[in-house]
N, C-alpha and C. Protein backbone atom coordinates (compact mmCIF):
# COMPACT_ATOMS: atom_id res chain seq x y z
N UNK A 1 0.82 -1.11 -0.02
CA UNK A 1 0.04 0.05 -0.03
C UNK A 1 0.97 1.33 0.11
N UNK A 2 0.63 2.38 -0.92
CA UNK A 2 1.30 3.55 -0.92
C UNK A 2 0.85 4.27 -0.03
N UNK A 3 1.90 5.29 0.45
CA UNK A 3 1.77 6.32 1.48
C UNK A 3 2.86 6.63 2.38
N UNK A 4 2.58 7.30 3.43
CA UNK A 4 4.09 7.84 4.24
C UNK A 4 4.10 6.54 5.31
N UNK A 5 5.19 6.42 5.76
CA UNK A 5 5.77 5.40 6.75
C UNK A 5 7.17 5.91 7.12
N UNK A 6 7.12 5.26 8.40
CA UNK A 6 8.70 5.45 8.93
C UNK A 6 9.40 4.72 8.13
N UNK A 7 11.05 5.17 8.15
CA UNK A 7 12.00 4.44 7.38
C UNK A 7 12.92 3.56 8.25
N UNK A 8 13.33 2.46 7.88
CA UNK A 8 14.10 1.62 8.32
C UNK A 8 15.37 1.58 7.75
N UNK A 9 16.43 0.65 8.64
CA UNK A 9 17.69 0.68 7.78
C UNK A 9 17.64 -0.20 6.41
N UNK A 10 16.53 -0.92 6.63
CA UNK A 10 16.49 -1.59 5.06
C UNK A 10 16.30 -0.71 4.16
N UNK A 11 15.74 0.59 4.30
CA UNK A 11 15.69 1.46 2.96
C UNK A 11 16.82 2.20 2.78
N UNK A 12 18.00 2.16 3.46
CA UNK A 12 19.20 3.09 2.90
C UNK A 12 19.67 2.98 1.57
N UNK A 13 19.37 1.72 0.99
CA UNK A 13 19.84 1.77 -0.66
C UNK A 13 18.90 2.72 -1.26
N UNK A 14 17.58 2.60 -0.83
CA UNK A 14 16.67 3.31 -1.86
C UNK A 14 16.94 4.97 -1.38
N UNK A 15 17.31 5.31 0.10
CA UNK A 15 17.54 6.65 0.30
C UNK A 15 18.79 7.29 -0.60
N UNK A 16 19.89 6.25 -0.76
CA UNK A 16 21.15 6.74 -1.56
C UNK A 16 20.50 6.64 -2.99
N UNK A 17 19.58 6.01 -3.41
CA UNK A 17 19.16 6.25 -4.90
C UNK A 17 18.50 7.67 -5.13
N UNK A 18 17.59 8.16 -3.84
CA UNK A 18 17.26 9.32 -3.93
C UNK A 18 18.22 10.46 -4.24
N UNK A 19 19.22 10.45 -3.46
CA UNK A 19 20.49 11.44 -3.36
C UNK A 19 20.80 11.60 -4.73
N UNK A 20 20.50 10.88 -5.65
CA UNK A 20 20.87 11.11 -7.13
C UNK A 20 20.10 12.60 -7.67
N UNK A 21 18.79 13.05 -6.95
CA UNK A 21 18.25 14.05 -7.10
C UNK A 21 19.09 15.49 -7.09
N UNK A 22 19.88 15.39 -6.07
CA UNK A 22 20.89 16.49 -5.82
C UNK A 22 22.09 16.54 -6.44
N UNK A 23 22.62 17.79 -6.82
CA UNK A 23 23.88 17.78 -7.38
C UNK A 23 25.04 17.04 -6.67
N UNK A 24 26.23 16.59 -7.06
CA UNK A 24 27.12 15.95 -6.81
C UNK A 24 27.64 16.27 -5.64
N UNK A 25 27.60 17.61 -5.38
CA UNK A 25 28.60 18.35 -4.06
C UNK A 25 27.58 18.44 -2.87
N UNK A 26 26.14 18.27 -3.38
CA UNK A 26 25.39 18.25 -2.33
C UNK A 26 24.64 17.08 -1.67
N UNK A 27 25.06 15.89 -2.13
CA UNK A 27 24.59 14.77 -2.03
C UNK A 27 25.05 14.21 -0.46
N UNK A 28 24.35 13.72 0.15
CA UNK A 28 24.53 13.11 1.64
C UNK A 28 25.16 11.79 1.37
N UNK A 29 26.13 11.45 2.21
CA UNK A 29 26.92 10.11 2.23
C UNK A 29 25.81 8.84 2.94
N UNK A 30 26.27 7.84 2.57
CA UNK A 30 25.63 6.64 3.15
C UNK A 30 25.75 7.05 4.80
N UNK A 31 26.87 7.07 5.27
CA UNK A 31 27.01 7.33 6.44
C UNK A 31 26.02 8.26 7.10
N UNK A 32 25.96 9.40 6.40
CA UNK A 32 25.14 10.43 7.06
C UNK A 32 23.55 9.94 7.18
N UNK A 33 23.06 9.19 6.08
CA UNK A 33 21.90 8.47 6.21
C UNK A 33 21.58 7.40 7.31
N UNK A 34 22.89 6.44 7.32
CA UNK A 34 22.74 5.89 8.34
C UNK A 34 22.71 6.41 9.88
N UNK A 35 23.30 7.48 10.05
CA UNK A 35 23.18 8.19 11.33
C UNK A 35 21.80 8.55 11.65
N UNK A 36 21.21 8.95 10.52
CA UNK A 36 19.59 9.63 10.62
C UNK A 36 19.14 8.48 10.83
N UNK A 37 18.87 7.20 10.48
CA UNK A 37 17.98 5.96 10.65
C UNK A 37 18.53 5.54 12.02
N UNK A 38 19.69 5.93 12.42
CA UNK A 38 19.99 5.14 13.91
C UNK A 38 20.01 5.89 15.11
N UNK A 39 19.66 7.46 14.92
CA UNK A 39 19.98 8.21 16.17
C UNK A 39 18.60 8.16 16.74
N UNK A 40 18.57 8.61 18.09
CA UNK A 40 17.19 8.48 18.80
C UNK A 40 16.32 9.74 18.86
N UNK A 41 17.07 10.53 18.50
CA UNK A 41 16.43 11.84 18.30
C UNK A 41 15.92 12.32 16.98
N UNK A 42 16.24 11.35 16.02
CA UNK A 42 15.73 11.37 14.79
C UNK A 42 14.26 10.91 14.45
N UNK A 43 13.65 11.23 13.20
CA UNK A 43 12.42 10.65 12.47
C UNK A 43 12.72 10.78 11.02
N UNK A 44 12.93 9.35 10.44
CA UNK A 44 12.88 9.44 9.13
C UNK A 44 11.70 9.02 8.55
N UNK A 45 11.24 9.76 7.37
CA UNK A 45 10.09 9.22 6.96
C UNK A 45 10.39 8.92 5.31
N UNK A 46 9.49 8.12 4.73
CA UNK A 46 9.57 7.71 3.46
C UNK A 46 7.96 7.67 2.78
N UNK A 47 7.82 7.98 1.54
CA UNK A 47 6.60 7.59 0.75
C UNK A 47 6.93 6.32 -0.02
N UNK A 48 6.23 5.29 0.34
CA UNK A 48 6.15 4.02 -0.66
C UNK A 48 5.21 4.10 -1.62
N UNK A 49 5.44 3.68 -2.57
CA UNK A 49 4.55 3.34 -3.94
C UNK A 49 4.12 1.97 -3.49
N UNK A 50 2.72 1.63 -3.99
CA UNK A 50 2.18 0.48 -4.18
C UNK A 50 3.12 -0.77 -4.31
N UNK A 51 4.22 -0.73 -5.31
CA UNK A 51 5.18 -1.48 -5.23
C UNK A 51 6.14 -1.86 -4.07
N UNK A 52 6.09 -0.88 -3.14
CA UNK A 52 6.96 -0.56 -1.86
C UNK A 52 8.49 -0.04 -2.51
N UNK A 53 8.37 0.75 -3.29
CA UNK A 53 9.40 1.65 -4.11
C UNK A 53 9.30 2.81 -3.07
N UNK A 54 10.58 3.27 -2.62
CA UNK A 54 10.60 4.48 -1.88
C UNK A 54 10.85 5.67 -3.01
N UNK A 55 10.07 6.93 -2.93
CA UNK A 55 9.85 7.81 -4.01
C UNK A 55 10.33 9.17 -3.35
N UNK A 56 10.24 9.17 -2.04
CA UNK A 56 10.36 10.55 -1.42
C UNK A 56 10.78 10.08 0.10
N UNK A 57 11.57 11.03 0.58
CA UNK A 57 12.08 10.70 2.10
C UNK A 57 12.33 12.33 2.80
N UNK A 58 12.04 12.08 3.95
CA UNK A 58 12.37 13.20 4.96
C UNK A 58 13.18 13.01 6.24
N UNK A 59 13.68 13.53 6.69
CA UNK A 59 14.35 13.53 8.12
C UNK A 59 14.47 14.52 8.95
N UNK A 60 13.94 14.46 10.19
CA UNK A 60 13.75 15.48 11.11
C UNK A 60 14.76 14.95 12.61
N UNK A 61 14.95 16.12 13.08
CA UNK A 61 15.62 16.05 14.48
C UNK A 61 15.16 16.75 15.56
N UNK A 62 14.73 16.22 16.85
CA UNK A 62 14.49 17.11 17.87
C UNK A 62 15.46 17.42 18.64
N UNK A 63 15.41 18.55 19.37
CA UNK A 63 16.50 18.70 20.55
C UNK A 63 15.88 20.05 21.36
N UNK A 64 15.61 19.73 22.49
CA UNK A 64 15.09 20.84 23.35
C UNK A 64 14.00 21.43 22.78
N UNK A 65 13.18 20.60 22.34
CA UNK A 65 11.69 21.18 22.15
C UNK A 65 11.56 21.99 20.74
N UNK A 66 12.84 21.85 19.97
CA UNK A 66 12.71 22.46 18.87
C UNK A 66 13.11 21.10 17.78
N UNK A 67 12.20 21.36 16.53
CA UNK A 67 12.75 20.30 15.35
C UNK A 67 13.45 21.07 14.31
N UNK A 68 14.26 20.28 13.88
CA UNK A 68 14.99 20.52 12.69
C UNK A 68 14.54 19.52 11.54
N UNK A 69 14.25 20.18 10.19
CA UNK A 69 13.90 19.40 9.19
C UNK A 69 15.33 19.20 8.39
N UNK A 70 15.82 18.11 8.29
CA UNK A 70 17.22 18.15 7.97
C UNK A 70 17.47 18.15 6.36
N UNK A 71 16.61 17.20 5.88
CA UNK A 71 16.62 16.53 4.44
C UNK A 71 15.28 16.25 4.09
N UNK A 72 14.96 16.65 2.86
CA UNK A 72 13.68 16.23 2.28
C UNK A 72 14.06 15.99 0.64
N UNK A 73 13.81 14.85 0.21
CA UNK A 73 14.20 14.46 -1.29
C UNK A 73 13.04 13.76 -2.09
N UNK A 74 12.87 13.97 -3.34
CA UNK A 74 11.84 13.25 -4.03
C UNK A 74 12.51 12.87 -5.36
N UNK A 75 12.06 11.54 -5.65
CA UNK A 75 12.62 11.22 -6.99
C UNK A 75 12.29 12.28 -7.97
N UNK A 76 12.94 12.66 -9.01
CA UNK A 76 12.52 13.43 -10.17
C UNK A 76 11.08 13.20 -10.69
N UNK A 77 11.21 11.82 -10.92
CA UNK A 77 9.91 11.38 -11.79
C UNK A 77 8.60 11.54 -10.84
N UNK A 78 8.87 11.37 -9.51
CA UNK A 78 7.63 11.42 -8.67
C UNK A 78 7.40 13.00 -8.14
N UNK A 79 8.19 13.91 -8.53
CA UNK A 79 7.88 15.03 -8.04
C UNK A 79 6.49 15.89 -8.74
N UNK A 80 6.06 16.91 -7.80
CA UNK A 80 5.00 17.48 -8.34
C UNK A 80 3.63 16.70 -8.01
N UNK A 81 3.66 15.82 -7.04
CA UNK A 81 2.55 14.72 -6.93
C UNK A 81 2.12 14.89 -5.12
N UNK A 82 2.49 16.16 -4.57
CA UNK A 82 2.38 16.31 -3.16
C UNK A 82 3.01 15.30 -2.24
N UNK A 83 4.07 14.48 -2.46
CA UNK A 83 4.79 13.38 -1.68
C UNK A 83 5.52 14.43 -0.58
N UNK A 84 6.42 15.24 -1.08
CA UNK A 84 6.94 16.17 -0.21
C UNK A 84 6.15 17.11 0.92
N UNK A 85 5.03 17.20 0.51
CA UNK A 85 3.87 18.16 1.22
C UNK A 85 3.52 17.00 2.33
N UNK A 86 3.36 16.03 1.70
CA UNK A 86 2.69 15.00 2.93
C UNK A 86 3.85 14.35 3.96
N UNK A 87 5.15 14.35 3.32
CA UNK A 87 6.07 13.98 4.26
C UNK A 87 6.20 15.28 5.37
N UNK A 88 6.24 16.60 4.99
CA UNK A 88 6.25 17.68 5.98
C UNK A 88 5.50 17.43 6.79
N UNK A 89 3.93 17.17 6.43
CA UNK A 89 2.68 17.50 7.06
C UNK A 89 3.05 16.37 8.34
N UNK A 90 3.32 14.96 7.98
CA UNK A 90 3.70 13.84 8.93
C UNK A 90 4.90 14.22 9.86
N UNK A 91 5.99 14.94 9.42
CA UNK A 91 6.90 15.27 10.29
C UNK A 91 6.27 16.28 11.50
N UNK A 92 5.37 17.30 10.98
CA UNK A 92 5.01 18.43 11.82
C UNK A 92 4.08 17.64 12.69
N UNK A 93 3.14 16.49 12.37
CA UNK A 93 2.65 15.63 13.66
C UNK A 93 3.38 15.27 14.58
N UNK A 94 4.59 14.49 14.00
CA UNK A 94 5.41 14.05 14.99
C UNK A 94 6.23 15.06 16.09
N UNK A 95 6.45 16.18 15.33
CA UNK A 95 7.00 17.36 16.07
C UNK A 95 5.99 17.59 17.31
N UNK A 96 4.67 17.77 16.96
CA UNK A 96 3.62 18.13 17.83
C UNK A 96 3.49 16.96 18.87
N UNK A 97 3.52 15.95 18.44
CA UNK A 97 3.31 14.78 19.51
C UNK A 97 4.67 14.53 20.49
N UNK A 98 5.60 15.26 20.17
CA UNK A 98 6.67 15.08 20.99
C UNK A 98 6.86 16.57 21.76
N UNK A 99 5.88 17.45 21.70
CA UNK A 99 5.80 18.83 22.45
C UNK A 99 6.58 19.65 21.69
N UNK A 100 7.20 19.60 20.68
CA UNK A 100 8.02 20.69 20.13
C UNK A 100 7.14 21.86 19.83
N UNK A 101 7.89 23.17 19.99
CA UNK A 101 7.35 24.34 19.87
C UNK A 101 7.37 24.91 18.65
N UNK A 102 8.23 24.46 17.79
CA UNK A 102 8.50 25.08 16.69
C UNK A 102 9.51 23.92 15.60
N UNK A 103 9.46 24.27 14.18
CA UNK A 103 10.30 23.55 13.24
C UNK A 103 11.11 24.65 12.54
N UNK A 104 12.32 24.26 12.11
CA UNK A 104 13.13 25.04 11.42
C UNK A 104 13.80 24.53 10.32
N UNK A 105 14.11 25.01 9.27
CA UNK A 105 14.64 24.46 8.44
C UNK A 105 15.33 25.56 7.50
N UNK A 106 16.40 25.21 6.55
CA UNK A 106 17.02 25.79 5.69
C UNK A 106 16.54 25.22 4.30
N UNK A 107 16.51 26.34 3.26
CA UNK A 107 16.33 26.03 1.97
C UNK A 107 17.19 27.09 1.06
N UNK A 108 17.67 26.25 -0.05
CA UNK A 108 18.43 27.51 -0.94
C UNK A 108 17.48 28.59 -1.61
N UNK A 109 17.73 29.66 -1.32
CA UNK A 109 17.09 31.03 -1.68
C UNK A 109 16.44 31.23 -3.13
N UNK A 110 17.37 30.27 -4.04
CA UNK A 110 16.73 30.03 -5.53
C UNK A 110 15.90 28.98 -5.59
N UNK A 111 15.75 28.06 -4.75
CA UNK A 111 14.69 26.95 -4.84
C UNK A 111 13.28 27.28 -4.71
N UNK A 112 12.66 27.89 -5.33
CA UNK A 112 11.39 28.58 -5.65
C UNK A 112 10.34 27.57 -5.45
N UNK A 113 10.49 26.14 -5.89
CA UNK A 113 9.47 25.00 -5.55
C UNK A 113 9.27 24.53 -4.16
N UNK A 114 10.58 24.68 -3.57
CA UNK A 114 10.60 24.31 -1.95
C UNK A 114 10.23 25.49 -1.08
N UNK A 115 10.39 26.68 -1.40
CA UNK A 115 10.08 28.08 -0.97
C UNK A 115 8.32 28.00 -0.83
N UNK A 116 7.81 27.68 -2.11
CA UNK A 116 6.40 27.53 -2.19
C UNK A 116 5.78 26.46 -1.30
N UNK A 117 6.28 25.31 -1.45
CA UNK A 117 5.91 24.20 -0.31
C UNK A 117 5.97 24.43 0.98
N UNK A 118 6.80 25.14 1.54
CA UNK A 118 6.81 25.62 2.64
C UNK A 118 6.02 26.66 2.97
N UNK A 119 5.93 27.78 2.11
CA UNK A 119 5.00 28.71 2.47
C UNK A 119 3.55 28.01 2.61
N UNK A 120 3.11 26.82 1.78
CA UNK A 120 2.00 26.28 1.89
C UNK A 120 1.45 25.75 3.51
N UNK A 121 2.82 25.42 3.82
CA UNK A 121 3.15 24.47 5.17
C UNK A 121 2.98 25.60 6.26
N UNK A 122 2.76 27.00 6.15
CA UNK A 122 2.78 27.88 7.05
C UNK A 122 4.27 28.16 7.60
N UNK A 123 5.27 27.86 7.04
CA UNK A 123 6.62 28.37 7.25
C UNK A 123 6.86 29.64 6.97
N UNK A 124 7.47 30.61 7.94
CA UNK A 124 7.88 32.13 7.46
C UNK A 124 9.70 32.07 7.47
N UNK A 125 10.03 32.82 6.83
CA UNK A 125 11.45 33.37 6.64
C UNK A 125 11.65 33.92 7.93
N UNK A 126 12.59 33.55 8.62
CA UNK A 126 13.29 34.37 9.98
C UNK A 126 14.70 34.85 9.62
N UNK A 127 15.47 34.53 8.70
CA UNK A 127 16.83 34.98 8.54
C UNK A 127 17.55 34.15 7.33
N UNK A 128 18.57 34.84 7.01
CA UNK A 128 19.20 34.15 5.97
C UNK A 128 20.76 33.67 6.18
N UNK A 129 21.29 32.58 5.53
CA UNK A 129 22.77 32.33 5.86
C UNK A 129 23.31 32.26 4.42
N UNK A 130 24.15 33.34 4.53
CA UNK A 130 24.84 33.69 3.25
C UNK A 130 25.89 32.68 2.87
N UNK A 131 26.13 32.14 1.75
CA UNK A 131 26.88 31.02 1.02
C UNK A 131 26.76 29.74 1.89
N UNK A 132 25.77 29.55 2.42
CA UNK A 132 25.56 28.14 3.00
C UNK A 132 25.54 26.95 2.15
N UNK A 133 25.27 27.21 1.22
CA UNK A 133 25.27 26.05 0.16
C UNK A 133 26.62 26.21 -0.83
N UNK A 134 27.52 27.13 -0.57
CA UNK A 134 28.77 27.58 -1.40
C UNK A 134 28.58 29.04 -1.59
N UNK A 135 29.87 29.47 -2.21
CA UNK A 135 29.81 30.66 -2.57
C UNK A 135 28.61 31.34 -3.60
N UNK A 136 27.91 32.11 -3.16
CA UNK A 136 26.73 32.72 -3.74
C UNK A 136 25.51 32.01 -3.79
N UNK A 137 25.55 30.87 -3.04
CA UNK A 137 24.31 30.03 -2.68
C UNK A 137 23.58 30.35 -1.19
N UNK A 138 22.98 31.31 -1.31
CA UNK A 138 22.38 31.47 0.18
C UNK A 138 21.14 30.76 0.65
N UNK A 139 21.09 30.57 1.95
CA UNK A 139 19.82 29.82 2.46
C UNK A 139 18.90 30.52 3.01
N UNK A 140 17.70 30.43 3.18
CA UNK A 140 16.88 31.08 3.82
C UNK A 140 16.36 30.15 4.99
N UNK A 141 16.56 30.70 6.15
CA UNK A 141 16.11 29.75 7.26
C UNK A 141 14.46 30.43 7.40
N UNK A 142 13.81 28.85 7.62
CA UNK A 142 12.23 29.28 7.73
C UNK A 142 11.75 28.47 9.05
N UNK A 143 10.96 29.09 9.66
CA UNK A 143 10.36 28.46 10.84
C UNK A 143 8.83 28.27 10.89
N UNK A 144 8.33 27.43 11.50
CA UNK A 144 6.97 26.94 11.81
C UNK A 144 6.61 27.05 13.12
N UNK A 145 5.99 27.59 13.92
CA UNK A 145 5.46 27.66 15.09
C UNK A 145 4.47 26.42 15.37
N UNK A 146 4.59 25.76 16.45
CA UNK A 146 3.50 24.80 16.54
C UNK A 146 2.62 25.08 17.95
N UNK A 147 2.77 26.29 18.37
CA UNK A 147 2.30 26.40 19.47
C UNK A 147 1.57 27.70 19.17
N UNK A 148 0.05 27.46 18.98
CA UNK A 148 -0.74 28.86 18.32
C UNK A 148 -0.43 30.07 19.27
N UNK A 149 -0.41 31.08 18.58
CA UNK A 149 -0.13 32.31 18.85
C UNK A 149 1.27 32.65 19.38
N UNK A 150 2.12 31.89 18.92
CA UNK A 150 3.46 31.92 19.49
C UNK A 150 4.32 32.28 18.19
N UNK A 151 5.22 33.27 18.40
CA UNK A 151 6.06 33.38 17.13
C UNK A 151 7.57 33.83 17.81
N UNK A 152 8.60 33.76 17.13
CA UNK A 152 9.84 33.92 17.59
C UNK A 152 10.32 35.24 17.02
């Protein structure tokens, strides 16, 4: 059955395949994904198709009541189907269940599709990190408050 599910160590090969969607210098290593899958403060989600193929993944970390969205990736052939949005929504629910007050993430300032996705999920820009992705490639830091009426 297709849908969002928690990832397991058995998904490592599929996660590495998804990394091909990023430019070579921005891909995570197998060790990075292995650490995400095994860390106690992490939550890795995948979207599976009916044939059990992993077409999208996201990883979240929680520390001191704040959740960071570390990574989200969707296979190019599966983009524009709402998979990333479903993963973010599931990650927000996980954050709420753990009592987090907010969720933070960085996104490349030129990634208009991702910025639109996060805006639809009520994330707001709070700062910029210059050269975060390399010279001239700036990041926008976004925040989503989970406690109604609270803003930072």
